[in-house]
């Protein structure tokens, strides 16, 4: 009877150990940045990239507009200098100046549009960063609780491991092998107690003779007629 009692205690330890192991695996997945946080961080990065592009467009437009303004000034100086007297050359130079002015207007328009868009993007970026800070703060708060839980479960995991080693060390080898075989075949539950004449594993009523044998057993295993697990009566 003592061996069966130890086997039942081993089953309880193994059940707890398995629950702890599964929860630790869940925590390992949870103790990373959440999908919401990653998505918001990416959203901020996308807006920052958009803002950077607009600043480049604005800067390039300003530089090109200044270059065109210099070319217009040089062409106007040449036109007013009297150096060009050929009517065709004068007309060509005037046409060139007009074309440069139109080009500069287009470039300046591009720069202004980029400036206005950048103001909108800057406001959008501020909102996105604020949302990111809030999500990150909530995530960090939840991580603290998860880390505390993980620490407690790791200690319990080690405790279960030691308890298992102690119980397994004093059990009959053949009995332990039968237990391990049943655990593999019965979803981790090899030993079930009898409560109110029912097997607590399959919840089927146990015949009186089987229950009596489980109660009076002296080293011989009594199995549930329904699920085939080892029966134990405290």
Protein backbone atom coordinates (compact mmCIF):
# COMPACT_ATOMS: atom_id res chain seq x y z
CA UNK A 1 0.00 0.00 0.00
CA UNK A 2 2.90 2.32 0.76
CA UNK A 3 4.21 2.07 -2.81
CA UNK A 4 0.78 2.86 -4.30
CA UNK A 5 0.50 5.87 -1.99
CA UNK A 6 3.91 7.09 -3.11
CA UNK A 7 2.89 6.50 -6.71
CA UNK A 8 -0.18 8.67 -6.17
CA UNK A 9 2.00 11.40 -4.63
CA UNK A 10 4.32 11.12 -7.63
CA UNK A 11 1.33 11.57 -9.94
CA UNK A 12 0.32 14.75 -8.11
CA UNK A 13 3.88 16.08 -8.36
CA UNK A 14 4.07 15.22 -12.07
CA UNK A 15 0.71 16.88 -12.74
CA UNK A 16 1.83 20.06 -11.01
CA UNK A 17 5.21 19.93 -12.74
CA UNK A 18 3.56 19.63 -16.16
CA UNK A 19 1.23 22.56 -15.47
CA UNK A 20 4.19 24.68 -14.36
CA UNK A 21 6.19 23.67 -17.43
CA UNK A 22 3.39 24.64 -19.80
CA UNK A 23 2.85 27.99 -18.10
CA UNK A 24 6.58 28.75 -18.23
CA UNK A 25 6.52 28.11 -21.98
CA UNK A 26 3.56 30.48 -22.30
CA UNK A 27 5.38 33.13 -20.28
CA UNK A 28 8.42 32.79 -22.51
CA UNK A 29 6.24 33.77 -25.46
CA UNK A 30 4.54 36.56 -23.54
CA UNK A 31 7.80 38.04 -22.29
CA UNK A 32 8.51 39.61 -25.67
CA UNK A 33 7.11 42.76 -27.22
CA UNK A 34 3.42 42.35 -28.00
CA UNK A 35 2.07 42.45 -31.54
CA UNK A 36 0.31 45.72 -30.71
CA UNK A 37 3.57 47.28 -29.51
CA UNK A 38 5.51 46.02 -32.52
CA UNK A 39 2.82 47.32 -34.88
CA UNK A 40 2.80 50.76 -33.26
CA UNK A 41 6.59 50.92 -33.28
CA UNK A 42 6.52 50.11 -37.00
CA UNK A 43 3.84 52.77 -37.57
CA UNK A 44 6.09 55.38 -35.95
CA UNK A 45 9.02 54.22 -38.07
CA UNK A 46 6.93 54.53 -41.23
CA UNK A 47 5.85 58.08 -40.40
CA UNK A 48 9.43 59.02 -39.54
CA UNK A 49 10.54 57.69 -42.92
CA UNK A 50 7.80 59.72 -44.61
CA UNK A 51 8.89 62.84 -42.75
CA UNK A 52 12.52 62.25 -43.72
CA UNK A 53 11.53 61.91 -47.38
CA UNK A 54 9.55 65.17 -47.28
CA UNK A 55 12.47 67.00 -45.68
CA UNK A 56 14.74 65.74 -48.44
CA UNK A 57 12.24 66.87 -51.10
CA UNK A 58 11.97 70.28 -49.43
CA UNK A 59 15.74 70.68 -49.14
CA UNK A 60 16.35 69.60 -52.74
CA UNK A 61 13.64 71.97 -53.95
CA UNK A 62 15.19 74.89 -52.05
CA UNK A 63 18.64 74.11 -53.44
CA UNK A 64 17.34 73.73 -57.00
CA UNK A 65 15.29 76.93 -56.71
CA UNK A 66 18.40 78.82 -55.54
CA UNK A 67 20.40 77.38 -58.44
CA UNK A 68 17.74 78.44 -60.92
CA UNK A 69 17.56 81.88 -59.34
CA UNK A 70 21.33 82.24 -59.85
CA UNK A 71 21.02 81.19 -63.48
CA UNK A 72 18.17 83.64 -64.04
CA UNK A 73 20.19 86.45 -62.46
CA UNK A 74 23.20 85.65 -64.64
CA UNK A 75 21.05 85.47 -67.78
CA UNK A 76 19.32 88.76 -66.94
CA UNK A 77 22.70 90.42 -66.33
CA UNK A 78 23.89 89.20 -69.71
CA UNK A 79 20.67 90.40 -71.32
CA UNK A 80 21.01 93.87 -69.78
CA UNK A 81 24.76 94.16 -70.42
CA UNK A 82 24.35 94.89 -74.13
CA UNK A 83 26.81 92.18 -75.03
CA UNK A 84 24.14 90.26 -76.96
CA UNK A 85 22.95 92.29 -79.94
CA UNK A 86 21.81 89.65 -82.40
CA UNK A 87 18.01 89.70 -82.38
CA UNK A 88 17.79 85.89 -82.55
CA UNK A 89 20.22 85.49 -79.67
CA UNK A 90 18.31 88.09 -77.66
CA UNK A 91 15.02 86.30 -78.27
CA UNK A 92 16.59 82.96 -77.39
CA UNK A 93 18.04 84.41 -74.20
CA UNK A 94 14.68 85.88 -73.19
CA UNK A 95 12.95 82.57 -73.89
CA UNK A 96 15.56 80.81 -71.79
CA UNK A 97 14.98 83.23 -68.91
CA UNK A 98 11.21 82.67 -69.08
CA UNK A 99 11.72 78.91 -69.11
CA UNK A 100 14.00 79.13 -66.09
CA UNK A 101 11.42 81.24 -64.26
CA UNK A 102 8.67 78.70 -64.98
CA UNK A 103 10.95 75.90 -63.85
CA UNK A 104 11.76 77.77 -60.65
CA UNK A 105 8.07 78.35 -59.95
CA UNK A 106 7.43 74.63 -60.33
CA UNK A 107 10.30 73.73 -58.05
CA UNK A 108 9.19 76.29 -55.46
CA UNK A 109 5.66 74.86 -55.59
CA UNK A 110 7.07 71.39 -54.96
CA UNK A 111 9.02 72.75 -51.98
CA UNK A 112 5.97 74.49 -50.51
CA UNK A 113 3.84 71.37 -50.92
CA UNK A 114 6.51 69.30 -49.18
CA UNK A 115 6.63 71.88 -46.37
CA UNK A 116 2.85 71.76 -45.88
CA UNK A 117 2.78 67.97 -46.00
CA UNK A 118 5.63 67.86 -43.50
CA UNK A 119 3.59 69.95 -41.05
CA UNK A 120 0.75 67.41 -41.29
CA UNK A 121 3.15 64.49 -40.95
CA UNK A 122 4.82 66.12 -37.93
CA UNK A 123 1.46 66.33 -36.17
CA UNK A 124 0.67 62.72 -37.11
CA UNK A 125 4.09 61.62 -35.85
CA UNK A 126 3.52 63.32 -32.49
CA UNK A 127 0.24 61.42 -32.08
CA UNK A 128 1.84 58.13 -33.10
CA UNK A 129 4.72 58.61 -30.65
CA UNK A 130 2.30 59.43 -27.84
CA UNK A 131 0.34 56.26 -28.60
CA UNK A 132 3.58 54.27 -28.66
CA UNK A 133 4.61 55.62 -25.25
CA UNK A 134 1.25 54.63 -23.76
CA UNK A 135 1.30 51.12 -25.25
CA UNK A 136 4.92 50.66 -24.18
CA UNK A 137 4.14 51.78 -20.63
CA UNK A 138 1.21 49.35 -20.40
CA UNK A 139 3.38 46.57 -21.82
CA UNK A 140 6.17 47.22 -19.31
CA UNK A 141 3.65 47.17 -16.45
CA UNK A 142 2.32 43.81 -17.61
CA UNK A 143 5.86 42.50 -18.01
CA UNK A 144 6.57 43.22 -14.37
CA UNK A 145 3.72 40.97 -13.25
CA UNK A 146 4.73 38.27 -15.72
CA UNK A 147 8.35 38.36 -14.55
CA UNK A 148 7.25 37.92 -10.95
CA UNK A 149 5.08 34.97 -11.94
CA UNK A 150 7.94 33.45 -13.91
CA UNK A 151 10.28 33.71 -10.92
CA UNK A 152 7.78 31.95 -8.65
CA UNK A 153 7.09 29.21 -11.19
CA UNK A 154 10.78 28.56 -11.76
CA UNK A 155 11.20 27.93 -8.03
CA UNK A 156 8.16 25.64 -8.02
CA UNK A 157 9.53 23.83 -11.07
CA UNK A 158 12.79 23.07 -9.24
CA UNK A 159 10.86 22.03 -6.14
CA UNK A 160 8.73 19.58 -8.16
CA UNK A 161 11.84 18.19 -9.81
CA UNK A 162 13.43 17.44 -6.43
CA UNK A 163 10.23 15.93 -5.05
CA UNK A 164 9.97 13.69 -8.10
CA UNK A 165 13.55 12.53 -7.75
CA UNK A 166 12.96 11.68 -4.09
CA UNK A 167 9.74 9.74 -4.72
CA UNK A 168 11.08 7.93 -7.79
CA UNK A 169 14.19 6.96 -5.87
CA UNK A 170 12.26 4.90 -3.28
CA UNK A 171 9.70 3.29 -5.61
CA UNK A 172 9.94 -0.27 -6.87
CA UNK A 173 11.59 -0.18 -10.30
CA UNK A 174 8.94 -2.33 -12.02
CA UNK A 175 6.17 -0.27 -10.48
CA UNK A 176 7.84 2.94 -11.64
CA UNK A 177 8.23 1.57 -15.18
CA UNK A 178 4.54 0.63 -15.27
CA UNK A 179 3.66 4.11 -14.06
CA UNK A 180 5.82 5.82 -16.71
CA UNK A 181 4.35 3.63 -19.45
CA UNK A 182 0.81 4.50 -18.39
CA UNK A 183 1.64 8.19 -18.23
CA UNK A 184 2.76 8.15 -21.84
CA UNK A 185 -0.37 6.32 -22.95
CA UNK A 186 -2.87 8.15 -20.75
CA UNK A 187 -2.14 11.84 -21.47
CA UNK A 188 0.17 12.20 -18.46
CA UNK A 189 -2.25 10.74 -15.89
CA UNK A 190 -1.40 7.20 -14.78
CA UNK A 191 -2.90 7.17 -11.26
CA UNK A 192 -6.43 8.23 -10.31
CA UNK A 193 -8.11 8.29 -6.95
CA UNK A 194 -11.56 6.95 -6.24
CA UNK A 195 -14.07 9.47 -4.92
CA UNK A 196 -17.72 8.67 -4.33
CA UNK A 197 -17.13 5.32 -6.01
CA UNK A 198 -16.02 7.05 -9.20
CA UNK A 199 -12.65 7.20 -10.98
CA UNK A 200 -11.52 10.82 -10.88
CA UNK A 201 -9.79 10.47 -14.25
CA UNK A 202 -12.60 9.13 -16.45
CA UNK A 203 -15.53 9.92 -14.08
CA UNK A 204 -17.02 6.44 -14.50
CA UNK A 205 -18.39 4.54 -11.51
CA UNK A 206 -16.03 1.86 -10.28
CA UNK A 207 -17.54 -1.57 -9.44
CA UNK A 208 -17.67 -2.30 -5.72
CA UNK A 209 -15.33 -5.27 -6.00
CA UNK A 210 -12.71 -3.20 -7.87
CA UNK A 211 -12.99 -0.36 -5.37
CA UNK A 212 -12.61 -2.84 -2.50
CA UNK A 213 -9.52 -4.37 -4.13
CA UNK A 214 -8.01 -0.91 -4.62
CA UNK A 215 -8.64 -0.14 -0.97
CA UNK A 216 -7.12 -3.40 0.29
CA UNK A 217 -4.30 -3.80 -2.25
CA UNK A 218 -0.84 -4.65 -0.97
CA UNK A 219 1.49 -3.88 -3.80
CA UNK A 220 -0.67 -5.24 -6.62
CA UNK A 221 -1.92 -2.68 -9.11
CA UNK A 222 -5.67 -2.33 -9.49
CA UNK A 223 -6.72 -0.70 -12.75
CA UNK A 224 -9.89 1.19 -13.59
CA UNK A 225 -12.07 -1.08 -15.79
CA UNK A 226 -13.06 1.95 -17.85
CA UNK A 227 -9.86 3.93 -18.51
CA UNK A 228 -7.15 1.46 -17.45
CA UNK A 229 -5.45 3.81 -14.98
CA UNK A 230 -4.06 2.74 -11.61
CA UNK A 231 -6.64 3.26 -8.89
CA UNK A 232 -5.77 4.66 -5.47
CA UNK A 233 -7.89 4.96 -2.35
CA UNK A 234 -6.64 7.20 0.42
